Amino acid sequence: MMGGAPSMALQFLLEAVVGFFSVLFLLRFFMQAGRVSFANQLGGFVMQLTDWAVKPLRRMIPGVGGYDWSSLVVAYLLQLLLLVLLVGMAGGLAAMPPGVWLFLLGKALLELVRQVVYLFTFALIIAAVLSWVNPYSPLAGPVNQLTRPILAPIQRILPPISGIDLAPLLAIVLLQVVLKFL
């Protein structure tokens, strides 16, 4: 059983690296689902850092219905791997009853959904900041395309008030409510 500061540091590093790559794979999934162009800096960055896992997996898991399922599967498997590693670091992997594996599968799915909420919250914040600071930034187009599916229904219900769009704020609040239930 590992303990102390070194194991906490290793746990932090594992969570940071897995979290970073999970978000990249989720971003790839949602960019393709939303038909966001990859012909920009963000798209190129995402593709270069995720191709190593997505391309080989596509031979087994093809895209269906316009969705890149292999990207989503890799993000899920990363979350599952992280949980298995953390349980292993705590010394509980060998003594785990079979039912705990089912728990880990569900917990990985829950963590993946949590990552989706964080991804869209962050994207909404970036979109809002870019709209104030530099609406013509090369990043503004892809981020706006990514957040459009979340904002469009809210904007139909809550139109801009005196030219100020409160939809991003409401979307962030709603996403935070979803996080409370996760």
C-alpha atoms as a PDB file:
ATOM      1  CA  MET A   1       0.000   0.000   0.000  1.00  0.00           C
ATOM      2  CA  MET A   2       1.416   3.337  -1.022  1.00  0.00           C
ATOM      3  CA  GLY A   3       1.063   6.287   1.267  1.00  0.00           C
ATOM      4  CA  GLY A   4       2.183   9.813   1.845  1.00  0.00           C
ATOM      5  CA  ALA A   5       3.158  12.655  -0.402  1.00  0.00           C
ATOM      6  CA  PRO A   6       4.685  10.583  -3.241  1.00  0.00           C
ATOM      7  CA  SER A   7       1.461   8.638  -3.780  1.00  0.00           C
ATOM      8  CA  MET A   8      -0.591  11.830  -3.600  1.00  0.00           C
ATOM      9  CA  ALA A   9       1.700  13.415  -6.193  1.00  0.00           C
ATOM     10  CA  LEU A  10       1.431  10.343  -8.422  1.00  0.00           C
ATOM     11  CA  GLN A  11      -2.357  10.349  -8.039  1.00  0.00           C
ATOM     12  CA  PHE A  12      -2.447  14.037  -8.976  1.00  0.00           C
ATOM     13  CA  LEU A  13      -0.291  13.433 -12.062  1.00  0.00           C
ATOM     14  CA  LEU A  14      -2.414  10.469 -13.160  1.00  0.00           C
ATOM     15  CA  GLU A  15      -5.631  12.461 -12.734  1.00  0.00           C
ATOM     16  CA  ALA A  16      -4.174  15.457 -14.584  1.00  0.00           C
ATOM     17  CA  VAL A  17      -2.854  13.470 -17.554  1.00  0.00           C
ATOM     18  CA  VAL A  18      -5.945  11.260 -17.868  1.00  0.00           C
ATOM     19  CA  GLY A  19      -8.225  14.276 -17.434  1.00  0.00           C
ATOM     20  CA  PHE A  20      -6.374  16.210 -20.134  1.00  0.00           C
ATOM     21  CA  PHE A  21      -6.528  13.381 -22.658  1.00  0.00           C
ATOM     22  CA  SER A  22     -10.120  12.479 -21.772  1.00  0.00           C
ATOM     23  CA  VAL A  23     -11.182  16.039 -22.497  1.00  0.00           C
ATOM     24  CA  LEU A  24      -9.291  15.966 -25.802  1.00  0.00           C
ATOM     25  CA  PHE A  25     -11.057  12.762 -26.883  1.00  0.00           C
ATOM     26  CA  LEU A  26     -14.415  14.190 -25.784  1.00  0.00           C
ATOM     27  CA  LEU A  27     -13.647  17.410 -27.638  1.00  0.00           C
ATOM     28  CA  ARG A  28     -12.888  15.393 -30.762  1.00  0.00           C
ATOM     29  CA  PHE A  29     -16.174  13.521 -30.366  1.00  0.00           C
ATOM     30  CA  PHE A  30     -18.259  16.678 -29.894  1.00  0.00           C
ATOM     31  CA  MET A  31     -16.454  18.620 -32.603  1.00  0.00           C
ATOM     32  CA  GLN A  32     -17.220  15.873 -35.106  1.00  0.00           C
ATOM     33  CA  ALA A  33     -20.786  15.478 -33.833  1.00  0.00           C
ATOM     34  CA  GLY A  34     -21.359  19.223 -34.158  1.00  0.00           C
ATOM     35  CA  ARG A  35     -19.638  19.395 -37.545  1.00  0.00           C
ATOM     36  CA  VAL A  36     -17.075  21.836 -36.155  1.00  0.00           C
ATOM     37  CA  SER A  37     -14.251  22.367 -38.607  1.00  0.00           C
ATOM     38  CA  PHE A  38     -10.917  20.822 -37.717  1.00  0.00           C
ATOM     39  CA  ALA A  39      -9.169  23.200 -40.155  1.00  0.00           C
ATOM     40  CA  ASN A  40      -7.974  25.524 -37.400  1.00  0.00           C
ATOM     41  CA  GLN A  41      -5.466  25.552 -34.539  1.00  0.00           C
ATOM     42  CA  LEU A  42      -7.822  23.901 -32.065  1.00  0.00           C
ATOM     43  CA  GLY A  43      -8.841  21.186 -34.515  1.00  0.00           C
ATOM     44  CA  GLY A  44      -5.254  20.470 -35.506  1.00  0.00           C
ATOM     45  CA  PHE A  45      -4.201  20.302 -31.865  1.00  0.00           C
ATOM     46  CA  VAL A  46      -6.993  17.881 -30.997  1.00  0.00           C
ATOM     47  CA  MET A  47      -6.348  15.675 -34.026  1.00  0.00           C
ATOM     48  CA  GLN A  48      -2.585  15.466 -33.491  1.00  0.00           C
ATOM     49  CA  LEU A  49      -2.946  14.522 -29.829  1.00  0.00           C
ATOM     50  CA  THR A  50      -5.719  11.950 -30.323  1.00  0.00           C
ATOM     51  CA  ASP A  51      -4.970  10.243 -33.643  1.00  0.00           C
ATOM     52  CA  TRP A  52      -2.645   7.712 -31.984  1.00  0.00           C
ATOM     53  CA  ALA A  53      -5.593   6.061 -30.214  1.00  0.00           C
ATOM     54  CA  VAL A  54      -8.574   6.887 -32.424  1.00  0.00           C
ATOM     55  CA  LYS A  55      -7.254   5.754 -35.809  1.00  0.00           C
ATOM     56  CA  PRO A  56      -6.377   2.168 -34.755  1.00  0.00           C
ATOM     57  CA  LEU A  57      -9.615   1.809 -32.794  1.00  0.00           C
ATOM     58  CA  ARG A  58     -11.707   2.895 -35.792  1.00  0.00           C
ATOM     59  CA  ARG A  59     -10.951  -0.452 -37.405  1.00  0.00           C
ATOM     60  CA  MET A  60     -12.962  -2.120 -34.638  1.00  0.00           C
ATOM     61  CA  ILE A  61     -15.422   0.671 -33.807  1.00  0.00           C
ATOM     62  CA  PRO A  62     -16.541   2.539 -36.928  1.00  0.00           C
ATOM     63  CA  GLY A  63     -18.308   5.869 -36.854  1.00  0.00           C
ATOM     64  CA  VAL A  64     -22.067   5.421 -37.024  1.00  0.00           C
ATOM     65  CA  GLY A  65     -24.674   8.109 -37.493  1.00  0.00           C
ATOM     66  CA  GLY A  66     -22.072  10.837 -37.905  1.00  0.00           C
ATOM     67  CA  TYR A  67     -20.551  10.147 -34.495  1.00  0.00           C
ATOM     68  CA  ASP A  68     -16.945   9.204 -33.839  1.00  0.00           C
ATOM     69  CA  TRP A  69     -17.645   6.432 -31.333  1.00  0.00           C
ATOM     70  CA  SER A  70     -13.995   5.437 -31.109  1.00  0.00           C
ATOM     71  CA  SER A  71     -13.143   8.822 -29.543  1.00  0.00           C
ATOM     72  CA  LEU A  72     -15.853   8.338 -26.951  1.00  0.00           C
ATOM     73  CA  VAL A  73     -14.725   4.781 -26.201  1.00  0.00           C
ATOM     74  CA  VAL A  74     -11.124   5.905 -25.673  1.00  0.00           C
ATOM     75  CA  ALA A  75     -12.263   8.656 -23.291  1.00  0.00           C
ATOM     76  CA  TYR A  76     -14.296   6.092 -21.329  1.00  0.00           C
ATOM     77  CA  LEU A  77     -11.443   3.578 -21.245  1.00  0.00           C
ATOM     78  CA  LEU A  78      -9.089   6.270 -19.947  1.00  0.00           C
ATOM     79  CA  GLN A  79     -11.487   7.020 -17.089  1.00  0.00           C
ATOM     80  CA  LEU A  80     -11.764   3.306 -16.323  1.00  0.00           C
ATOM     81  CA  LEU A  81      -7.982   2.882 -16.431  1.00  0.00           C
ATOM     82  CA  LEU A  82      -7.553   5.791 -14.030  1.00  0.00           C
ATOM     83  CA  LEU A  83      -9.971   4.258 -11.547  1.00  0.00           C
ATOM     84  CA  VAL A  84      -8.263   0.852 -11.757  1.00  0.00           C
ATOM     85  CA  LEU A  85      -4.855   2.467 -11.219  1.00  0.00           C
ATOM     86  CA  LEU A  86      -6.094   4.467  -8.229  1.00  0.00           C
ATOM     87  CA  VAL A  87      -7.654   1.376  -6.642  1.00  0.00           C
ATOM     88  CA  GLY A  88      -4.433  -0.518  -7.366  1.00  0.00           C
ATOM     89  CA  MET A  89      -2.352   2.213  -5.730  1.00  0.00           C
ATOM     90  CA  ALA A  90      -4.535   1.928  -2.645  1.00  0.00           C
ATOM     91  CA  GLY A  91      -3.775  -1.797  -2.544  1.00  0.00           C
ATOM     92  CA  GLY A  92      -7.330  -2.898  -3.141  1.00  0.00           C
ATOM     93  CA  LEU A  93      -7.126  -4.357  -6.644  1.00  0.00           C
ATOM     94  CA  ALA A  94      -6.231  -7.935  -5.681  1.00  0.00           C
ATOM     95  CA  ALA A  95      -8.873  -8.221  -2.977  1.00  0.00           C
ATOM     96  CA  MET A  96     -11.734  -6.678  -4.942  1.00  0.00           C
ATOM     97  CA  PRO A  97     -14.927  -8.719  -5.088  1.00  0.00           C
ATOM     98  CA  PRO A  98     -16.419  -9.153  -8.593  1.00  0.00           C
ATOM     99  CA  GLY A  99     -19.237  -6.676  -7.902  1.00  0.00           C
ATOM    100  CA  VAL A 100     -16.731  -3.868  -7.474  1.00  0.00           C
ATOM    101  CA  TRP A 101     -15.741  -4.173 -11.133  1.00  0.00           C
ATOM    102  CA  LEU A 102     -19.323  -3.355 -12.067  1.00  0.00           C
ATOM    103  CA  PHE A 103     -19.138  -0.359  -9.729  1.00  0.00           C
ATOM    104  CA  LEU A 104     -15.914   0.795 -11.443  1.00  0.00           C
ATOM    105  CA  LEU A 105     -17.557   0.512 -14.874  1.00  0.00           C
ATOM    106  CA  GLY A 106     -20.422   2.725 -13.694  1.00  0.00           C
ATOM    107  CA  LYS A 107     -18.108   5.137 -11.883  1.00  0.00           C
ATOM    108  CA  ALA A 108     -16.026   5.534 -15.071  1.00  0.00           C
ATOM    109  CA  LEU A 109     -19.188   6.417 -17.004  1.00  0.00           C
ATOM    110  CA  LEU A 110     -20.158   8.930 -14.322  1.00  0.00           C
ATOM    111  CA  GLU A 111     -16.701  10.501 -14.469  1.00  0.00           C
ATOM    112  CA  LEU A 112     -16.971  10.713 -18.251  1.00  0.00           C
ATOM    113  CA  VAL A 113     -20.273  12.585 -17.963  1.00  0.00           C
ATOM    114  CA  ARG A 114     -18.648  14.878 -15.401  1.00  0.00           C
ATOM    115  CA  GLN A 115     -15.830  15.567 -17.885  1.00  0.00           C
ATOM    116  CA  VAL A 116     -18.440  16.462 -20.539  1.00  0.00           C
ATOM    117  CA  VAL A 117     -20.015  18.991 -18.168  1.00  0.00           C
ATOM    118  CA  TYR A 118     -16.615  20.506 -17.379  1.00  0.00           C
ATOM    119  CA  LEU A 119     -15.740  20.630 -21.088  1.00  0.00           C
ATOM    120  CA  PHE A 120     -18.882  22.548 -22.005  1.00  0.00           C
ATOM    121  CA  THR A 121     -18.627  24.831 -18.985  1.00  0.00           C
ATOM    122  CA  PHE A 122     -15.086  25.744 -19.965  1.00  0.00           C
ATOM    123  CA  ALA A 123     -16.080  26.187 -23.625  1.00  0.00           C
ATOM    124  CA  LEU A 124     -18.938  28.502 -22.627  1.00  0.00           C
ATOM    125  CA  ILE A 125     -16.593  30.611 -20.492  1.00  0.00           C
ATOM    126  CA  ILE A 126     -14.068  30.832 -23.339  1.00  0.00           C
ATOM    127  CA  ALA A 127     -16.825  31.791 -25.792  1.00  0.00           C
ATOM    128  CA  ALA A 128     -18.085  34.520 -23.463  1.00  0.00           C
ATOM    129  CA  VAL A 129     -14.611  35.945 -22.833  1.00  0.00           C
ATOM    130  CA  LEU A 130     -13.732  35.862 -26.530  1.00  0.00           C
ATOM    131  CA  SER A 131     -16.985  37.650 -27.403  1.00  0.00           C
ATOM    132  CA  TRP A 132     -15.916  40.531 -25.161  1.00  0.00           C
ATOM    133  CA  VAL A 133     -12.170  40.577 -25.801  1.00  0.00           C
ATOM    134  CA  ASN A 134     -11.599  39.328 -29.353  1.00  0.00           C
ATOM    135  CA  PRO A 135     -14.692  38.075 -31.198  1.00  0.00           C
ATOM    136  CA  TYR A 136     -12.622  37.611 -34.379  1.00  0.00           C
ATOM    137  CA  SER A 137     -10.045  35.324 -32.770  1.00  0.00           C
ATOM    138  CA  PRO A 138      -9.306  32.126 -34.730  1.00  0.00           C
ATOM    139  CA  LEU A 139     -10.513  30.219 -31.661  1.00  0.00           C
ATOM    140  CA  ALA A 140     -13.884  32.023 -31.539  1.00  0.00           C
ATOM    141  CA  GLY A 141     -15.414  30.229 -34.530  1.00  0.00           C
ATOM    142  CA  PRO A 142     -14.811  26.633 -33.383  1.00  0.00           C
ATOM    143  CA  VAL A 143     -15.755  27.425 -29.783  1.00  0.00           C
ATOM    144  CA  ASN A 144     -18.981  29.106 -30.884  1.00  0.00           C
ATOM    145  CA  GLN A 145     -19.824  26.147 -33.123  1.00  0.00           C
ATOM    146  CA  LEU A 146     -19.141  23.770 -30.231  1.00  0.00           C
ATOM    147  CA  THR A 147     -21.377  25.664 -27.792  1.00  0.00           C
ATOM    148  CA  ARG A 148     -24.186  26.423 -30.261  1.00  0.00           C
ATOM    149  CA  PRO A 149     -26.161  23.198 -29.504  1.00  0.00           C
ATOM    150  CA  ILE A 150     -26.297  24.165 -25.829  1.00  0.00           C
ATOM    151  CA  LEU A 151     -26.978  27.856 -26.313  1.00  0.00           C
ATOM    152  CA  ALA A 152     -29.529  27.754 -29.152  1.00  0.00           C
ATOM    153  CA  PRO A 153     -32.420  26.256 -27.116  1.00  0.00           C
ATOM    154  CA  ILE A 154     -31.754  28.660 -24.253  1.00  0.00           C
ATOM    155  CA  GLN A 155     -31.564  31.648 -26.607  1.00  0.00           C
ATOM    156  CA  ARG A 156     -34.986  30.746 -28.027  1.00  0.00           C
ATOM    157  CA  ILE A 157     -36.450  30.979 -24.519  1.00  0.00           C
ATOM    158  CA  LEU A 158     -34.278  33.838 -23.239  1.00  0.00           C
ATOM    159  CA  PRO A 159     -33.508  36.353 -26.003  1.00  0.00           C
ATOM    160  CA  PRO A 160     -30.819  39.011 -25.472  1.00  0.00           C
ATOM    161  CA  ILE A 161     -31.851  41.802 -23.108  1.00  0.00           C
ATOM    162  CA  SER A 162     -30.655  45.244 -24.295  1.00  0.00           C
ATOM    163  CA  GLY A 163     -28.094  43.495 -26.477  1.00  0.00           C
ATOM    164  CA  ILE A 164     -26.729  41.368 -23.632  1.00  0.00           C
ATOM    165  CA  ASP A 165     -26.979  37.607 -24.111  1.00  0.00           C
ATOM    166  CA  LEU A 166     -27.580  35.888 -20.779  1.00  0.00           C
ATOM    167  CA  ALA A 167     -27.826  32.425 -22.359  1.00  0.00           C
ATOM    168  CA  PRO A 168     -24.171  31.501 -21.613  1.00  0.00           C
ATOM    169  CA  LEU A 169     -24.627  32.446 -17.960  1.00  0.00           C
ATOM    170  CA  LEU A 170     -27.820  30.408 -17.681  1.00  0.00           C
ATOM    171  CA  ALA A 171     -26.175  27.468 -19.473  1.00  0.00           C
ATOM    172  CA  ILE A 172     -23.246  27.522 -17.037  1.00  0.00           C
ATOM    173  CA  VAL A 173     -25.617  27.648 -14.062  1.00  0.00           C
ATOM    174  CA  LEU A 174     -27.604  24.703 -15.465  1.00  0.00           C
ATOM    175  CA  LEU A 175     -24.407  22.728 -16.070  1.00  0.00           C
ATOM    176  CA  GLN A 176     -23.347  23.391 -12.476  1.00  0.00           C
ATOM    177  CA  VAL A 177     -26.724  22.076 -11.294  1.00  0.00           C
ATOM    178  CA  VAL A 178     -26.093  18.914 -13.326  1.00  0.00           C
ATOM    179  CA  LEU A 179     -22.703  18.592 -11.604  1.00  0.00           C
ATOM    180  CA  LYS A 180     -24.405  18.730  -8.194  1.00  0.00           C
ATOM    181  CA  PHE A 181     -26.381  15.623  -9.127  1.00  0.00           C
ATOM    182  CA  LEU A 182     -23.289  13.790 -10.358  1.00  0.00           C
END
